[in-house]
Amino acid sequence: MLIGASVLALLLANSPLASHYTGFLDTRLEIRVGALEIAKPLLLWINDGLMAIFFFLVGLEMKREFVEGELSSPSRIVLPGVAAVGGMAVPALVYVAFNWSNPENLDGWAIPAATDIAFALAVLSMLGNRVPTSLKALLLAIAIFDDVGAIIIIALFYTKELSVEALAGAAVVLVALSAINLAGVKRLAPYVLLGIVIWVLVLKSGVHATLAGVVTALAVPLRTAPSSEEPPLKRAEHALHPWVAFAVLPLFAFANAGVSFAGMGLSALVEPVKLGISLGLFVGKQIGVFGVIWLAITFKLASMPRDATWQSLYGVACLTGIGFTMSLFIGSLAFEHSDFDAPIRLGVIIGSLASTAVGYTVLRQAFGQSER
């Protein structure tokens, strides 16, 4: 679905229908209730609104993994935690190295630091049951830590001027969310309604509105009194998965992957922003993740995942270079009003595709050898 939506966007952006494609995304939608007004082009409704639903799901998955999943004990946290740090730091350094002489480009340092959790796991799942559960868990854990890092980066570095009044209002609603959690409310509707209020207030505060999704998710109860009823968090997670996988992420890819190649020459391939992103994802990610994993295991800070080999760990490190939706999203924040749309999209697409191809090839060879 992600690949199909991206290919469709690329075809439209480079066809006689290009003006209709951009015109569709520029369509202005407004919601007005008294003095409260939210007026944005469709592209920003997708990036600020629908992506808040994606981040809500990410928040639910993060909470479940930290409370009772793969990240619920300190011994399980060390390897993916340090790998994620390496996988964010090295790509950022690669990007900065290519753009150091262009200060106006440096705002994009975080673009290659992100991993597209859905895309990376989808590629890994293509290898079927040959993939050890420990490797799937490692990739998922690295991607979750990566998402935590992305959330912190968005909050700290891509926040506009703050409205103290709106933030204070969001804090009051957050207290209300905590209160209904402590009161044992199991129905999802109150959490969703208060989450929408927080989204509006955070949007008006200057902090990126998608963070409201994470904050709301953390308030949804995971553990309830012993009963046959499924916990609210897991109900919400199961209900949202198909909508995010088959609607939210493909729509985001369709809206953000449409780069026009009109007027592009060979110089576009060596443009500093494009090079920093593509090589940050493809080279920086695998060096950062695999290098730190090697150091952690060699110096006995963490143990080798069960049934894993160095080759399979390298393949997983390559897959973390699939930035795609998350990198495109951070790129839209880093250069919101600039002429870097084409280099950003081109860099993300090339870096992600290269990481996909090499990661899949390495893993397929590793598991083929293990079977023989």
Protein backbone atom coordinates (compact mmCIF):
# COMPACT_ATOMS: atom_id res chain seq x y z
CA MET A 1 0.00 0.00 0.00
CA LEU A 2 2.81 2.42 0.88
CA ILE A 3 4.76 1.62 -2.27
CA GLY A 4 1.65 1.82 -4.45
CA ALA A 5 0.61 5.19 -2.99
CA SER A 6 4.13 6.56 -3.46
CA VAL A 7 4.41 5.35 -7.05
CA LEU A 8 1.00 6.86 -7.85
CA ALA A 9 2.09 10.20 -6.36
CA LEU A 10 5.31 10.16 -8.41
CA LEU A 11 3.40 9.34 -11.60
CA LEU A 12 0.86 12.12 -11.03
CA ALA A 13 3.52 14.69 -10.12
CA ASN A 14 5.30 13.96 -13.41
CA SER A 15 2.28 13.77 -15.69
CA PRO A 16 -0.10 16.26 -17.33
CA LEU A 17 -2.22 15.83 -14.18
CA ALA A 18 0.48 17.41 -11.98
CA SER A 19 -1.47 20.65 -11.51
CA HIS A 20 -4.54 18.68 -10.39
CA TYR A 21 -2.41 16.69 -7.92
CA THR A 22 -0.92 19.83 -6.32
CA GLY A 23 -4.28 21.63 -6.52
CA PHE A 24 -5.95 18.76 -4.67
CA LEU A 25 -3.36 18.92 -1.87
CA ASP A 26 -3.65 22.73 -1.72
CA THR A 27 -7.45 22.58 -1.29
CA ARG A 28 -8.23 24.68 1.77
CA LEU A 29 -10.44 23.17 4.47
CA GLU A 30 -11.77 25.17 7.40
CA ILE A 31 -13.48 24.29 10.67
CA ARG A 32 -14.94 27.21 12.60
CA VAL A 33 -16.75 27.14 15.93
CA GLY A 34 -17.36 30.68 17.14
CA ALA A 35 -13.99 32.38 17.52
CA LEU A 36 -12.14 29.06 17.16
CA GLU A 37 -10.91 28.50 13.62
CA ILE A 38 -8.70 25.85 12.06
CA ALA A 39 -7.96 26.59 8.40
CA LYS A 40 -5.36 24.54 6.54
CA PRO A 41 -4.69 23.11 3.08
CA LEU A 42 -5.51 19.42 2.72
CA LEU A 43 -1.79 18.52 2.85
CA LEU A 44 -1.49 19.93 6.37
CA TRP A 45 -4.75 18.27 7.50
CA ILE A 46 -3.08 15.00 6.52
CA ASN A 47 0.29 15.85 8.10
CA ASP A 48 -1.09 17.44 11.28
CA GLY A 49 -4.38 15.58 11.65
CA LEU A 50 -4.15 12.08 10.24
CA MET A 51 -0.56 11.70 11.44
CA ALA A 52 -1.78 12.45 14.96
CA ILE A 53 -3.79 9.21 14.66
CA PHE A 54 -0.61 7.41 13.56
CA PHE A 55 1.27 8.82 16.55
CA PHE A 56 -1.63 7.81 18.80
CA LEU A 57 -1.11 4.23 17.62
CA VAL A 58 2.66 4.57 18.10
CA GLY A 59 2.00 5.79 21.66
CA LEU A 60 -0.24 2.79 22.37
CA GLU A 61 2.44 0.40 21.06
CA MET A 62 5.17 2.16 23.06
CA LYS A 63 3.20 1.92 26.30
CA ARG A 64 2.38 -1.77 25.78
CA GLU A 65 5.99 -2.66 24.95
CA PHE A 66 7.39 -0.78 27.96
CA VAL A 67 4.79 -2.14 30.41
CA GLU A 68 4.52 -5.79 29.43
CA GLY A 69 6.29 -6.35 26.10
CA GLU A 70 9.82 -6.61 24.73
CA LEU A 71 11.00 -3.50 26.61
CA SER A 72 9.53 -4.34 30.00
CA SER A 73 12.83 -5.30 31.67
CA PRO A 74 16.19 -3.48 31.82
CA SER A 75 18.06 -6.40 30.21
CA ARG A 76 15.84 -6.16 27.12
CA ILE A 77 16.22 -2.40 26.82
CA VAL A 78 20.02 -2.09 26.58
CA LEU A 79 20.72 -3.45 23.07
CA PRO A 80 17.88 -1.76 21.13
CA GLY A 81 18.27 1.40 23.22
CA VAL A 82 21.95 1.96 22.45
CA ALA A 83 21.43 0.79 18.84
CA ALA A 84 18.72 3.40 18.35
CA VAL A 85 20.97 6.13 19.76
CA GLY A 86 23.73 5.16 17.32
CA GLY A 87 21.16 4.92 14.54
CA MET A 88 20.05 8.50 15.15
CA ALA A 89 23.42 10.13 15.89
CA VAL A 90 25.49 8.81 12.94
CA PRO A 91 22.93 9.66 10.19
CA ALA A 92 22.58 13.15 11.66
CA LEU A 93 26.38 13.55 11.54
CA VAL A 94 26.46 12.33 7.92
CA TYR A 95 23.83 14.91 6.98
CA VAL A 96 25.67 17.71 8.80
CA ALA A 97 28.95 16.72 7.11
CA PHE A 98 27.40 17.24 3.67
CA ASN A 99 25.66 20.49 4.61
CA TRP A 100 28.13 22.15 6.99
CA SER A 101 29.01 24.87 4.49
CA ASN A 102 25.30 25.67 3.94
CA PRO A 103 23.91 26.85 7.30
CA GLU A 104 20.39 27.24 5.88
CA ASN A 105 20.36 23.48 5.20
CA LEU A 106 21.26 22.37 8.71
CA ASP A 107 17.66 22.37 9.97
CA GLY A 108 17.24 19.04 8.18
CA TRP A 109 19.76 17.16 10.37
CA ALA A 110 17.05 14.94 11.90
CA ILE A 111 15.50 13.80 8.59
CA PRO A 112 17.74 10.70 8.12
CA ALA A 113 17.59 9.86 11.84
CA ALA A 114 14.09 8.37 11.58
CA THR A 115 12.99 4.79 10.85
CA ASP A 116 9.66 3.85 9.25
CA ILE A 117 8.54 1.11 11.64
CA ALA A 118 5.73 -0.14 9.39
CA PHE A 119 7.83 -0.33 6.25
CA ALA A 120 10.86 -1.94 7.97
CA LEU A 121 8.78 -4.64 9.64
CA ALA A 122 6.90 -5.27 6.39
CA VAL A 123 10.18 -5.96 4.55
CA LEU A 124 11.31 -8.28 7.36
CA SER A 125 7.99 -10.15 7.25
CA MET A 126 8.54 -10.87 3.54
CA LEU A 127 11.16 -13.41 4.64
CA GLY A 128 8.50 -15.40 6.49
CA ASN A 129 9.11 -17.84 9.33
CA ARG A 130 12.85 -18.02 8.62
CA VAL A 131 13.29 -14.83 10.64
CA PRO A 132 13.92 -15.57 14.35
CA THR A 133 11.45 -13.96 16.73
CA SER A 134 14.38 -12.33 18.52
CA LEU A 135 15.33 -10.38 15.37
CA LYS A 136 11.76 -9.18 14.80
CA ALA A 137 11.63 -8.08 18.43
CA LEU A 138 14.99 -6.29 18.09
CA LEU A 139 13.91 -4.37 14.98
CA LEU A 140 10.58 -3.46 16.60
CA ALA A 141 12.34 -2.28 19.77
CA ILE A 142 14.90 -0.21 17.84
CA ALA A 143 12.11 1.38 15.82
CA ILE A 144 10.13 2.18 18.99
CA PHE A 145 13.14 3.86 20.60
CA ASP A 146 13.63 5.63 17.28
CA ASP A 147 10.04 6.91 17.48
CA VAL A 148 10.62 8.11 21.04
CA GLY A 149 13.67 10.00 19.80
CA ALA A 150 11.69 11.46 16.89
CA ILE A 151 8.97 12.65 19.27
CA ILE A 152 11.56 14.36 21.51
CA ILE A 153 13.25 15.94 18.47
CA ILE A 154 9.94 17.27 17.14
CA ALA A 155 9.05 18.73 20.55
CA LEU A 156 12.45 20.35 21.15
CA PHE A 157 13.66 21.42 17.70
CA TYR A 158 10.61 21.80 15.46
CA THR A 159 8.32 23.77 17.71
CA LYS A 160 7.24 27.25 16.67
CA GLU A 161 6.44 30.17 18.96
CA LEU A 162 4.62 28.89 22.03
CA SER A 163 1.20 29.98 23.25
CA VAL A 164 1.28 29.62 27.03
CA GLU A 165 -2.53 29.84 27.26
CA ALA A 166 -3.08 26.97 24.83
CA LEU A 167 -0.41 24.84 26.54
CA ALA A 168 -2.01 25.52 29.93
CA GLY A 169 -5.36 24.41 28.54
CA ALA A 170 -3.77 21.23 27.17
CA ALA A 171 -2.23 20.56 30.60
CA VAL A 172 -5.67 20.87 32.24
CA VAL A 173 -7.16 18.38 29.77
CA LEU A 174 -4.20 16.07 30.37
CA VAL A 175 -5.01 16.12 34.09
CA ALA A 176 -8.58 15.17 33.19
CA LEU A 177 -7.26 12.27 31.09
CA SER A 178 -5.16 11.07 34.04
CA ALA A 179 -8.16 11.38 36.33
CA ILE A 180 -10.42 9.16 34.24
CA ASN A 181 -7.56 6.67 33.95
CA LEU A 182 -7.17 6.55 37.74
CA ALA A 183 -10.96 6.28 38.08
CA GLY A 184 -10.82 3.07 36.05
CA VAL A 185 -12.84 4.28 33.07
CA LYS A 186 -12.68 1.52 30.46
CA ARG A 187 -14.72 3.07 27.64
CA LEU A 188 -12.57 4.52 24.87
CA ALA A 189 -14.91 7.39 23.95
CA PRO A 190 -13.90 9.72 26.84
CA TYR A 191 -10.19 9.28 26.01
CA VAL A 192 -10.81 9.97 22.32
CA LEU A 193 -12.95 13.06 22.98
CA LEU A 194 -10.42 14.54 25.41
CA GLY A 195 -7.65 13.60 22.97
CA ILE A 196 -9.33 15.67 20.23
CA VAL A 197 -9.50 18.64 22.63
CA ILE A 198 -5.79 18.23 23.42
CA TRP A 199 -5.02 18.01 19.68
CA VAL A 200 -6.76 21.36 19.04
CA LEU A 201 -5.03 23.04 21.99
CA VAL A 202 -1.60 21.66 21.08
CA LEU A 203 -2.16 22.74 17.45
CA LYS A 204 -2.90 26.26 18.66
CA SER A 205 0.04 26.23 21.10
CA GLY A 206 2.77 26.06 18.44
CA VAL A 207 3.95 22.57 19.48
CA HIS A 208 3.42 20.10 16.65
CA ALA A 209 -0.08 18.66 16.98
CA THR A 210 0.93 15.03 16.39
CA LEU A 211 2.44 14.98 19.88
CA ALA A 212 -1.12 15.14 21.22
CA GLY A 213 -1.63 11.63 19.87
CA VAL A 214 1.24 10.24 21.95
CA VAL A 215 0.15 12.04 25.13
CA THR A 216 -3.41 10.78 24.77
CA ALA A 217 -2.24 7.20 24.13
CA LEU A 218 -0.20 7.12 27.33
CA ALA A 219 -3.38 7.80 29.34
CA VAL A 220 -5.33 4.85 27.88
CA PRO A 221 -5.43 1.99 30.46
CA LEU A 222 -3.48 -1.16 29.68
CA ARG A 223 -4.11 -3.14 32.83
CA THR A 224 -7.59 -3.54 34.28
CA ALA A 225 -9.15 -5.67 36.99
CA PRO A 226 -9.01 -9.40 36.14
CA SER A 227 -11.83 -10.14 33.72
CA SER A 228 -12.43 -11.60 30.30
CA GLU A 229 -12.71 -8.11 28.82
CA GLU A 230 -9.80 -6.96 26.67
CA PRO A 231 -7.96 -3.89 28.10
CA PRO A 232 -8.90 -0.54 26.47
CA LEU A 233 -5.37 0.00 25.12
CA LYS A 234 -5.36 -3.31 23.24
CA ARG A 235 -8.89 -2.71 21.95
CA ALA A 236 -7.82 0.67 20.59
CA GLU A 237 -4.63 -0.79 19.11
CA HIS A 238 -6.48 -3.58 17.30
CA ALA A 239 -9.18 -1.21 16.03
CA LEU A 240 -6.68 1.36 14.71
CA HIS A 241 -4.15 -0.93 13.03
CA PRO A 242 -6.08 -1.51 9.78
CA TRP A 243 -7.07 2.18 9.50
CA VAL A 244 -3.46 3.33 9.95
CA ALA A 245 -2.00 0.64 7.68
CA PHE A 246 -4.51 0.96 4.84
CA ALA A 247 -5.60 4.60 5.05
CA VAL A 248 -3.47 6.98 7.16
CA LEU A 249 0.02 5.94 6.03
CA PRO A 250 -0.85 5.42 2.33
CA LEU A 251 -2.60 8.82 2.28
CA PHE A 252 0.45 10.41 3.88
CA ALA A 253 2.72 8.72 1.32
CA PHE A 254 0.47 9.85 -1.54
CA ALA A 255 0.49 13.45 -0.27
CA ASN A 256 4.22 13.67 0.44
CA ALA A 257 6.05 11.43 -2.05
CA GLY A 258 5.04 13.27 -5.22
CA VAL A 259 8.32 14.84 -6.29
CA SER A 260 8.45 16.40 -9.76
CA PHE A 261 11.53 15.58 -11.84
CA ALA A 262 10.87 18.46 -14.23
CA GLY A 263 14.02 20.46 -14.83
CA MET A 264 16.17 18.10 -12.75
CA GLY A 265 19.61 17.33 -14.09
CA LEU A 266 22.50 15.27 -12.78
CA SER A 267 23.23 18.10 -10.34
CA ALA A 268 20.09 17.15 -8.42
CA LEU A 269 21.69 13.83 -7.47
CA VAL A 270 24.62 15.57 -5.75
CA GLU A 271 22.62 18.37 -4.11
CA PRO A 272 23.82 18.58 -0.44
CA VAL A 273 20.38 18.14 1.19
CA LYS A 274 19.58 15.16 -1.02
CA LEU A 275 23.02 13.58 -0.46
CA GLY A 276 22.89 14.14 3.30
CA ILE A 277 19.50 12.46 3.55
CA SER A 278 20.07 9.52 1.20
CA LEU A 279 23.56 8.68 2.52
CA GLY A 280 22.47 9.39 6.10
CA LEU A 281 19.72 6.78 5.75
CA PHE A 282 21.65 4.23 3.71
CA VAL A 283 25.18 4.57 5.15
CA GLY A 284 24.69 6.37 8.45
CA LYS A 285 21.92 4.12 9.75
CA GLN A 286 23.69 0.82 9.11
CA ILE A 287 26.99 2.08 10.52
CA GLY A 288 25.34 3.64 13.56
CA VAL A 289 23.08 0.71 14.43
CA PHE A 290 25.40 -2.19 13.56
CA GLY A 291 28.48 -0.44 14.98
CA VAL A 292 26.86 0.15 18.35
CA ILE A 293 25.38 -3.37 18.43
CA TRP A 294 28.85 -4.81 17.74
CA LEU A 295 30.39 -2.70 20.51
CA ALA A 296 27.65 -3.56 23.02
CA ILE A 297 27.91 -7.31 22.41
CA THR A 298 31.72 -7.36 22.14
CA PHE A 299 32.15 -5.52 25.44
CA LYS A 300 29.39 -7.63 27.06
CA LEU A 301 27.04 -4.73 27.70
CA ALA A 302 24.35 -6.84 26.01
CA SER A 303 24.02 -10.41 24.75
CA MET A 304 23.63 -11.67 21.19
CA PRO A 305 19.91 -12.13 20.36
CA ARG A 306 18.87 -15.79 20.29
CA ASP A 307 19.33 -17.52 16.88
CA ALA A 308 20.92 -14.37 15.42
CA THR A 309 24.20 -14.10 13.51
CA TRP A 310 26.38 -11.11 12.76
CA GLN A 311 25.18 -11.18 9.16
CA SER A 312 21.51 -11.16 10.17
CA LEU A 313 22.16 -8.32 12.63
CA TYR A 314 23.80 -6.36 9.81
CA GLY A 315 20.73 -6.97 7.64
CA VAL A 316 18.46 -5.63 10.39
CA ALA A 317 20.73 -2.58 10.73
CA CYS A 318 20.30 -1.93 7.00
CA LEU A 319 16.50 -2.08 7.33
CA THR A 320 16.57 0.70 9.94
CA GLY A 321 17.65 2.95 7.06
CA ILE A 322 14.11 2.82 5.68
CA GLY A 323 13.04 6.29 6.78
CA PHE A 324 10.19 6.89 4.36
CA THR A 325 7.05 8.22 6.12
CA MET A 326 8.84 9.36 9.29
CA SER A 327 11.68 11.02 7.36
CA LEU A 328 9.24 12.70 4.97
CA PHE A 329 7.25 13.89 7.98
CA ILE A 330 10.28 15.39 9.77
CA GLY A 331 11.37 16.91 6.45
CA SER A 332 8.02 18.68 6.16
CA LEU A 333 8.64 20.20 9.61
CA ALA A 334 12.30 21.07 9.05
CA PHE A 335 11.75 22.96 5.79
CA GLU A 336 8.11 23.99 6.04
CA HIS A 337 8.51 27.07 3.86
CA SER A 338 11.41 26.45 1.50
CA ASP A 339 12.40 25.12 -1.91
CA PHE A 340 13.80 21.85 -0.55
CA ASP A 341 10.73 19.69 -1.25
CA ALA A 342 12.32 17.87 -4.21
CA PRO A 343 15.72 17.15 -2.58
CA ILE A 344 14.01 15.95 0.61
CA ARG A 345 11.64 13.58 -1.16
CA LEU A 346 14.29 12.35 -3.58
CA GLY A 347 16.80 11.76 -0.77
CA VAL A 348 14.29 9.89 1.39
CA ILE A 349 13.07 7.71 -1.49
CA ILE A 350 16.58 6.81 -2.73
CA GLY A 351 17.98 6.18 0.77
CA SER A 352 14.97 4.09 1.81
CA LEU A 353 14.93 2.01 -1.39
CA ALA A 354 18.67 1.33 -1.15
CA SER A 355 18.31 0.27 2.49
CA THR A 356 15.38 -1.97 1.57
CA ALA A 357 17.26 -3.69 -1.26
CA VAL A 358 20.49 -4.29 0.66
CA GLY A 359 18.79 -5.23 3.93
CA TYR A 360 16.47 -7.74 2.25
CA THR A 361 19.32 -9.26 0.19
CA VAL A 362 21.63 -9.63 3.21
CA LEU A 363 18.90 -11.21 5.36
CA ARG A 364 17.74 -13.56 2.63
CA GLN A 365 21.30 -14.77 2.12
CA ALA A 366 21.84 -15.11 5.88
CA PHE A 367 18.73 -17.23 6.42
CA GLY A 368 19.39 -19.23 3.25
CA GLN A 369 22.83 -20.12 4.56
CA SER A 370 21.44 -21.01 7.99
CA GLU A 371 18.94 -23.41 6.35
CA ARG A 372 21.70 -25.12 4.35
